[in-house]
Amino acid sequence: TTAPALRLCLPISPPAAAASSSPPSFAVGRVSLRRRRRRRRRASFSGCRCSSSSHSEMEAGAGTALYPAHRCKTIYLVRHAQGIHNVEGEKDFAAYKSHALLDAQLTPLGWSQVDTLREHVTKSGLAKKIELVIVSPLLRTMQTAVGVFGGGNYTDGASASPLMVEGAGNSGRQPISSLNCPPFLAVEACREHLGVHPCDKRSSITKYRTLFPAIDFSLIKNDEDVLWGPDVIETDESVVARGMNLFDWLWTREEKEIAIVTHCGFLYHTLNTYGKGCHPTVAEELGKVFANCELRSMVLVDRSKLGSDTSRYNFAGKIPAGLDMPSDVADKKQAEEASKN
């Protein structure tokens, strides 16, 4: 995999290709394997991939870095809450192939996890900072996203469509309002590994629009799931490629504080790739497996000028104009004049 054009946490060098302003897309690479979830459960830092030279270079240099604020975004990465597939898969890995788990919904415990995270983002003030929620278009991720970041209970006669209708996905929950919350955008590029496991196959967009009326599905081209196949599973490399494309694509958007509600495998493989070249401590933080309904905040750094925004807070200075020679330059100039005499 080539070096990413963006960097999470630490800004480091070289350029890469410019991001497209069109919605993120991805080619699907597949292998006939069934080991993805098992591998993630036993993953540890011992497998973290970092540059062998970066550690000594960073020890020799400064431990901190500066970067222009308008070339940074803050992203809040969230793994969905517990789904029925998580429960059955822990009991028997073969259950992941069960069609009874198609487009798995949250468990009652999962909804309790959603309520707990919602309380956290409200009390911490994060709920008021987020400008956009990007969500994988599967039932469990959309339930998690609207439950955590949505506008609370929906009241009949409200002026806006609800984010989620009552009981969506066998939830037994009250409808959720789209008022007093950020917009929600469904994006295919942050889905879980595609293929083999029915829990990772989405339902039709037509169905989702009836369950989640206020989520924007306009970036999804096909009503039915044409990306998922029953026989082969997407490669880790393909997941990483679309994850990096998604982060590049964020620079075509004006929002600076973005939540992304997605999946364990997507996060694990994408963030481990961004960990390459980082200090081992940072790489370890990036590469840890996400728990259900875990939230982590990251700084996304535009080190290749993919974005075009200018700072809202920078000020040019020298207005009104006047002499402003720095004292150290004045001292040097005076010394040069004295040496001539």
Protein backbone atom coordinates (compact mmCIF):
# COMPACT_ATOMS: atom_id res chain seq x y z
CA THR A 1 0.00 0.00 0.00
CA THR A 2 1.37 3.43 -0.89
CA ALA A 3 1.98 6.08 1.75
CA PRO A 4 -1.25 7.91 2.64
CA ALA A 5 -1.78 11.45 1.37
CA LEU A 6 -3.15 12.39 4.78
CA ARG A 7 -1.86 11.72 8.25
CA LEU A 8 -3.74 11.01 11.43
CA CYS A 9 -2.20 12.70 14.50
CA LEU A 10 1.33 13.35 13.18
CA PRO A 11 2.00 15.38 9.99
CA ILE A 12 4.80 13.90 7.89
CA SER A 13 6.14 14.40 4.42
CA PRO A 14 5.64 13.45 0.84
CA PRO A 15 2.86 14.40 -1.59
CA ALA A 16 0.24 12.20 -3.22
CA ALA A 17 -2.44 12.47 -5.88
CA ALA A 18 -5.19 15.07 -5.41
CA ALA A 19 -8.56 13.94 -4.11
CA SER A 20 -11.58 13.82 -6.37
CA SER A 21 -14.57 16.01 -5.59
CA SER A 22 -16.88 13.15 -6.52
CA PRO A 23 -18.21 10.70 -3.91
CA PRO A 24 -15.69 8.05 -2.79
CA SER A 25 -15.76 4.81 -4.71
CA PHE A 26 -13.75 1.63 -4.48
CA ALA A 27 -12.78 -1.45 -6.41
CA VAL A 28 -13.45 -4.66 -4.52
CA GLY A 29 -10.64 -7.19 -4.14
CA ARG A 30 -11.71 -10.58 -2.79
CA VAL A 31 -10.15 -13.75 -1.46
CA SER A 32 -11.82 -17.06 -0.57
CA LEU A 33 -11.14 -16.82 3.18
CA ARG A 34 -13.24 -16.86 6.34
CA ARG A 35 -10.74 -15.66 8.90
CA ARG A 36 -11.37 -11.89 9.13
CA ARG A 37 -13.24 -11.58 12.40
CA ARG A 38 -11.21 -14.31 14.12
CA ARG A 39 -8.00 -12.53 13.14
CA ARG A 40 -9.23 -9.20 14.53
CA ARG A 41 -10.18 -10.78 17.86
CA ARG A 42 -6.67 -12.06 18.41
CA ALA A 43 -4.92 -9.00 16.91
CA SER A 44 -2.35 -7.31 19.14
CA PHE A 45 0.24 -4.57 18.92
CA SER A 46 2.90 -7.14 18.06
CA GLY A 47 1.57 -7.05 14.51
CA CYS A 48 1.66 -3.27 14.18
CA ARG A 49 3.54 -2.13 11.10
CA CYS A 50 5.80 0.90 11.62
CA SER A 51 8.79 2.30 9.79
CA SER A 52 12.03 1.00 11.30
CA SER A 53 13.74 4.35 10.83
CA SER A 54 10.98 6.66 12.06
CA HIS A 55 11.52 5.97 15.78
CA SER A 56 15.16 7.07 15.85
CA GLU A 57 14.42 10.06 13.61
CA MET A 58 11.67 11.26 15.94
CA GLU A 59 13.84 10.73 19.03
CA ALA A 60 16.50 12.90 17.43
CA GLY A 61 14.03 15.67 16.55
CA ALA A 62 11.26 17.52 18.32
CA GLY A 63 8.53 15.53 20.04
CA THR A 64 5.82 17.88 18.83
CA ALA A 65 4.79 19.31 15.48
CA LEU A 66 2.94 22.39 14.24
CA TYR A 67 0.52 22.46 11.31
CA PRO A 68 -1.83 25.18 9.99
CA ALA A 69 -5.24 24.73 11.60
CA HIS A 70 -7.12 25.17 8.31
CA ARG A 71 -5.29 22.10 6.97
CA CYS A 72 -6.65 19.92 9.78
CA LYS A 73 -10.02 18.34 10.50
CA THR A 74 -11.15 16.59 13.67
CA ILE A 75 -12.87 13.28 13.03
CA TYR A 76 -14.73 11.21 15.60
CA LEU A 77 -14.59 7.53 14.73
CA VAL A 78 -17.28 5.28 16.18
CA ARG A 79 -17.74 1.54 15.86
CA HIS A 80 -21.38 0.43 15.90
CA ALA A 81 -22.90 -0.88 19.13
CA GLN A 82 -23.38 -4.59 19.78
CA GLY A 83 -25.29 -6.35 17.00
CA ILE A 84 -26.99 -9.72 17.00
CA HIS A 85 -24.17 -11.04 14.79
CA ASN A 86 -21.57 -10.13 17.46
CA VAL A 87 -23.39 -12.28 20.00
CA GLU A 88 -23.89 -15.28 17.73
CA GLY A 89 -20.38 -15.03 16.25
CA GLU A 90 -18.80 -15.13 19.71
CA LYS A 91 -20.63 -18.37 20.42
CA ASP A 92 -19.85 -19.96 17.06
CA PHE A 93 -17.79 -18.34 14.31
CA ALA A 94 -19.72 -20.29 11.66
CA ALA A 95 -22.81 -18.29 12.64
CA TYR A 96 -21.45 -15.34 10.67
CA LYS A 97 -22.55 -17.22 7.57
CA SER A 98 -26.13 -17.52 8.79
CA HIS A 99 -28.72 -15.77 6.62
CA ALA A 100 -30.73 -15.24 9.79
CA LEU A 101 -28.21 -12.48 10.58
CA LEU A 102 -28.75 -10.62 7.27
CA ASP A 103 -28.12 -6.89 7.79
CA ALA A 104 -27.83 -7.45 11.54
CA GLN A 105 -29.61 -5.06 13.91
CA LEU A 106 -28.57 -3.94 17.39
CA THR A 107 -29.28 -6.05 20.46
CA PRO A 108 -31.00 -4.59 23.55
CA LEU A 109 -27.52 -4.35 25.09
CA GLY A 110 -26.36 -2.53 21.97
CA TRP A 111 -29.09 0.07 22.44
CA SER A 112 -27.97 0.51 26.06
CA GLN A 113 -24.44 1.15 24.74
CA VAL A 114 -25.89 3.74 22.35
CA ASP A 115 -27.67 5.50 25.23
CA THR A 116 -24.46 5.56 27.28
CA LEU A 117 -22.40 7.05 24.44
CA ARG A 118 -25.14 9.60 23.72
CA GLU A 119 -24.99 10.74 27.34
CA HIS A 120 -21.21 11.11 27.03
CA VAL A 121 -21.24 13.18 23.82
CA THR A 122 -23.96 15.40 25.30
CA LYS A 123 -22.24 16.02 28.65
CA SER A 124 -18.83 16.54 27.03
CA GLY A 125 -20.18 19.15 24.61
CA LEU A 126 -19.18 17.07 21.60
CA ALA A 127 -22.77 16.85 20.35
CA LYS A 128 -22.78 20.60 19.68
CA LYS A 129 -19.44 20.56 17.83
CA ILE A 130 -20.10 17.91 15.19
CA GLU A 131 -21.08 19.38 11.81
CA LEU A 132 -21.69 16.16 9.85
CA VAL A 133 -22.30 12.48 10.62
CA ILE A 134 -21.10 10.01 7.97
CA VAL A 135 -22.55 6.54 8.39
CA SER A 136 -22.10 3.14 6.79
CA PRO A 137 -25.45 2.17 5.18
CA LEU A 138 -26.13 -0.92 7.26
CA LEU A 139 -28.88 -1.25 9.82
CA ARG A 140 -26.66 -1.53 12.90
CA THR A 141 -24.49 1.48 12.00
CA MET A 142 -27.46 3.70 11.17
CA GLN A 143 -29.22 2.70 14.40
CA THR A 144 -26.04 3.57 16.30
CA ALA A 145 -25.50 6.88 14.47
CA VAL A 146 -29.01 8.27 14.93
CA GLY A 147 -29.19 7.00 18.51
CA VAL A 148 -25.94 8.71 19.50
CA PHE A 149 -25.98 11.90 17.43
CA GLY A 150 -29.68 12.34 16.56
CA GLY A 151 -32.04 14.96 17.93
CA GLY A 152 -33.82 12.97 20.62
CA ASN A 153 -37.41 11.75 20.72
CA TYR A 154 -39.54 12.70 17.73
CA THR A 155 -42.89 14.41 18.31
CA ASP A 156 -45.82 13.85 15.96
CA GLY A 157 -46.50 16.99 13.97
CA ALA A 158 -42.85 18.09 14.00
CA SER A 159 -41.83 20.11 10.95
CA ALA A 160 -39.00 17.78 9.87
CA SER A 161 -38.90 14.09 8.95
CA PRO A 162 -37.60 11.78 11.68
CA LEU A 163 -34.12 10.33 11.50
CA MET A 164 -35.55 6.95 12.50
CA VAL A 165 -39.16 5.79 12.58
CA GLU A 166 -40.62 4.00 15.56
CA GLY A 167 -39.40 0.42 16.00
CA ALA A 168 -37.00 0.52 13.02
CA GLY A 169 -35.09 -2.74 12.68
CA ASN A 170 -36.98 -4.49 15.51
CA SER A 171 -35.54 -1.90 17.87
CA GLY A 172 -38.61 -1.31 20.00
CA ARG A 173 -37.47 2.30 20.21
CA GLN A 174 -39.36 5.56 19.90
CA PRO A 175 -38.83 7.61 16.72
CA ILE A 176 -35.76 9.86 16.69
CA SER A 177 -35.93 13.49 15.62
CA SER A 178 -33.78 15.15 12.95
CA LEU A 179 -34.09 18.54 14.67
CA ASN A 180 -31.23 20.12 16.64
CA CYS A 181 -28.60 17.74 15.28
CA PRO A 182 -26.10 17.62 12.38
CA PRO A 183 -26.99 16.22 8.94
CA PHE A 184 -26.48 12.48 8.34
CA LEU A 185 -24.90 11.18 5.12
CA ALA A 186 -24.76 7.48 4.15
CA VAL A 187 -21.50 6.48 2.41
CA GLU A 188 -20.73 2.99 1.05
CA ALA A 189 -16.96 3.48 1.35
CA CYS A 190 -16.97 2.97 5.13
CA ARG A 191 -18.71 -0.42 5.07
CA GLU A 192 -17.31 -3.58 6.64
CA HIS A 193 -15.44 -6.25 4.62
CA LEU A 194 -17.71 -7.09 1.69
CA GLY A 195 -18.83 -10.63 0.97
CA VAL A 196 -19.54 -14.07 2.51
CA HIS A 197 -21.08 -12.88 5.80
CA PRO A 198 -24.78 -12.02 5.38
CA CYS A 199 -24.61 -9.69 8.40
CA ASP A 200 -22.51 -7.37 6.21
CA LYS A 201 -24.99 -7.32 3.30
CA ARG A 202 -27.18 -4.24 3.30
CA SER A 203 -30.87 -3.99 2.55
CA SER A 204 -32.26 -1.87 -0.28
CA ILE A 205 -32.04 1.91 -0.13
CA THR A 206 -35.78 1.99 -0.76
CA LYS A 207 -36.30 0.11 2.51
CA TYR A 208 -33.80 2.26 4.40
CA ARG A 209 -35.53 5.47 3.29
CA THR A 210 -38.72 4.28 4.99
CA LEU A 211 -36.85 3.45 8.21
CA PHE A 212 -34.47 6.45 8.27
CA PRO A 213 -36.29 9.23 6.35
CA ALA A 214 -33.90 12.07 7.23
CA ILE A 215 -30.63 10.28 6.37
CA ASP A 216 -29.22 11.43 3.03
CA PHE A 217 -28.69 8.43 0.72
CA SER A 218 -28.00 10.49 -2.41
CA LEU A 219 -24.38 9.32 -2.79
CA ILE A 220 -25.41 5.66 -3.12
CA LYS A 221 -25.91 4.75 -6.77
CA ASN A 222 -27.61 1.35 -6.55
CA ASP A 223 -30.81 0.54 -4.70
CA GLU A 224 -29.81 -3.09 -4.09
CA ASP A 225 -26.46 -4.16 -2.67
CA VAL A 226 -24.29 -4.89 -5.73
CA LEU A 227 -21.03 -4.83 -3.75
CA TRP A 228 -21.61 -7.87 -1.54
CA GLY A 229 -21.16 -11.41 -2.89
CA PRO A 230 -21.80 -14.78 -1.22
CA ASP A 231 -18.62 -16.66 -2.21
CA VAL A 232 -15.52 -14.51 -1.65
CA ILE A 233 -14.60 -11.85 0.88
CA GLU A 234 -12.97 -8.50 0.21
CA THR A 235 -9.23 -8.31 0.82
CA ASP A 236 -7.74 -6.26 3.63
CA GLU A 237 -5.87 -4.23 0.99
CA SER A 238 -9.13 -3.27 -0.68
CA VAL A 239 -10.62 -2.17 2.64
CA VAL A 240 -7.56 -0.01 3.29
CA ALA A 241 -7.72 1.54 -0.18
CA ARG A 242 -11.32 2.64 0.17
CA GLY A 243 -10.70 3.83 3.74
CA MET A 244 -7.87 6.06 2.59
CA ASN A 245 -9.96 7.27 -0.36
CA LEU A 246 -12.73 8.18 2.05
CA PHE A 247 -10.40 10.26 4.23
CA ASP A 248 -8.99 11.97 1.13
CA TRP A 249 -12.54 12.74 0.01
CA LEU A 250 -13.29 14.50 3.30
CA TRP A 251 -11.12 17.36 2.05
CA THR A 252 -13.72 18.11 -0.64
CA ARG A 253 -16.15 18.99 2.16
CA GLU A 254 -16.23 22.16 4.20
CA GLU A 255 -17.06 20.60 7.57
CA LYS A 256 -14.21 20.57 10.10
CA GLU A 257 -15.72 18.35 12.83
CA ILE A 258 -17.03 15.07 11.38
CA ALA A 259 -18.27 11.88 13.02
CA ILE A 260 -17.95 8.58 11.11
CA VAL A 261 -19.98 5.61 12.34
CA THR A 262 -18.56 2.44 10.85
CA HIS A 263 -17.21 -1.08 11.54
CA CYS A 264 -14.40 -2.87 13.39
CA GLY A 265 -12.57 -4.31 10.37
CA PHE A 266 -12.75 -1.06 8.40
CA LEU A 267 -11.29 0.90 11.31
CA TYR A 268 -8.64 -1.66 12.25
CA HIS A 269 -7.09 -2.06 8.80
CA THR A 270 -7.34 1.59 7.76
CA LEU A 271 -5.92 3.03 10.97
CA ASN A 272 -3.07 0.52 11.10
CA THR A 273 -2.02 1.73 7.66
CA TYR A 274 -2.02 5.34 8.87
CA GLY A 275 0.11 4.19 11.80
CA LYS A 276 3.02 3.38 9.51
CA GLY A 277 5.79 5.92 10.01
CA CYS A 278 4.35 7.16 13.33
CA HIS A 279 6.08 6.87 16.67
CA PRO A 280 5.32 3.36 18.02
CA THR A 281 3.16 4.76 20.83
CA VAL A 282 0.99 6.63 18.35
CA ALA A 283 0.88 3.64 16.01
CA GLU A 284 -0.31 1.48 18.91
CA GLU A 285 -3.09 3.95 19.73
CA LEU A 286 -4.21 4.03 16.12
CA GLY A 287 -4.10 0.27 15.67
CA LYS A 288 -6.08 -0.93 18.68
CA VAL A 289 -9.24 -2.88 17.89
CA PHE A 290 -12.38 -0.81 18.57
CA ALA A 291 -14.88 -2.08 21.13
CA ASN A 292 -18.60 -1.91 20.37
CA CYS A 293 -19.79 1.70 20.53
CA GLU A 294 -16.29 3.04 21.23
CA LEU A 295 -15.52 6.60 20.11
CA ARG A 296 -12.05 7.96 19.38
CA SER A 297 -11.19 11.46 18.20
CA MET A 298 -8.43 11.95 15.61
CA VAL A 299 -6.84 14.92 13.86
CA LEU A 300 -6.77 14.48 10.10
CA VAL A 301 -3.89 16.45 8.58
CA ASP A 302 -3.83 17.59 4.95
CA ARG A 303 -0.10 17.26 4.22
CA SER A 304 -0.46 17.28 0.44
CA LYS A 305 -2.76 20.30 -0.04
CA LEU A 306 -5.75 18.17 -1.01
CA GLY A 307 -8.03 20.78 0.55
CA SER A 308 -8.41 24.35 -0.63
CA ASP A 309 -9.91 26.06 2.42
CA THR A 310 -8.32 29.15 3.89
CA SER A 311 -8.37 29.86 7.61
CA ARG A 312 -11.38 31.67 9.03
CA TYR A 313 -9.24 33.03 11.85
CA ASN A 314 -5.92 34.05 10.26
CA PHE A 315 -5.43 37.81 9.83
CA ALA A 316 -2.93 39.34 7.42
CA GLY A 317 -1.73 42.12 9.74
CA LYS A 318 -0.09 45.45 8.88
CA ILE A 319 -3.52 47.07 8.61
CA PRO A 320 -3.13 50.08 8.69
CA ALA A 321 0.32 49.75 7.12
CA GLY A 322 3.43 50.89 8.96
CA LEU A 323 7.07 50.11 9.62
CA ASP A 324 7.44 46.75 11.30
CA MET A 325 11.07 45.65 11.06
CA PRO A 326 11.73 42.96 13.70
CA SER A 327 14.28 43.96 16.34
CA ASP A 328 16.66 41.11 15.50
CA VAL A 329 16.69 42.17 11.83
CA ALA A 330 17.25 45.81 12.85
CA ASP A 331 20.19 44.80 15.08
CA LYS A 332 21.76 42.83 12.23
CA LYS A 333 21.30 45.69 9.80
CA GLN A 334 22.83 48.14 12.26
CA ALA A 335 25.83 45.85 12.73
CA GLU A 336 26.30 45.57 8.95
CA GLU A 337 26.23 49.38 8.62
CA ALA A 338 28.73 49.76 11.44
CA SER A 339 31.12 47.25 9.81
CA LYS A 340 31.08 49.27 6.59
CA ASN A 341 32.21 52.35 8.46
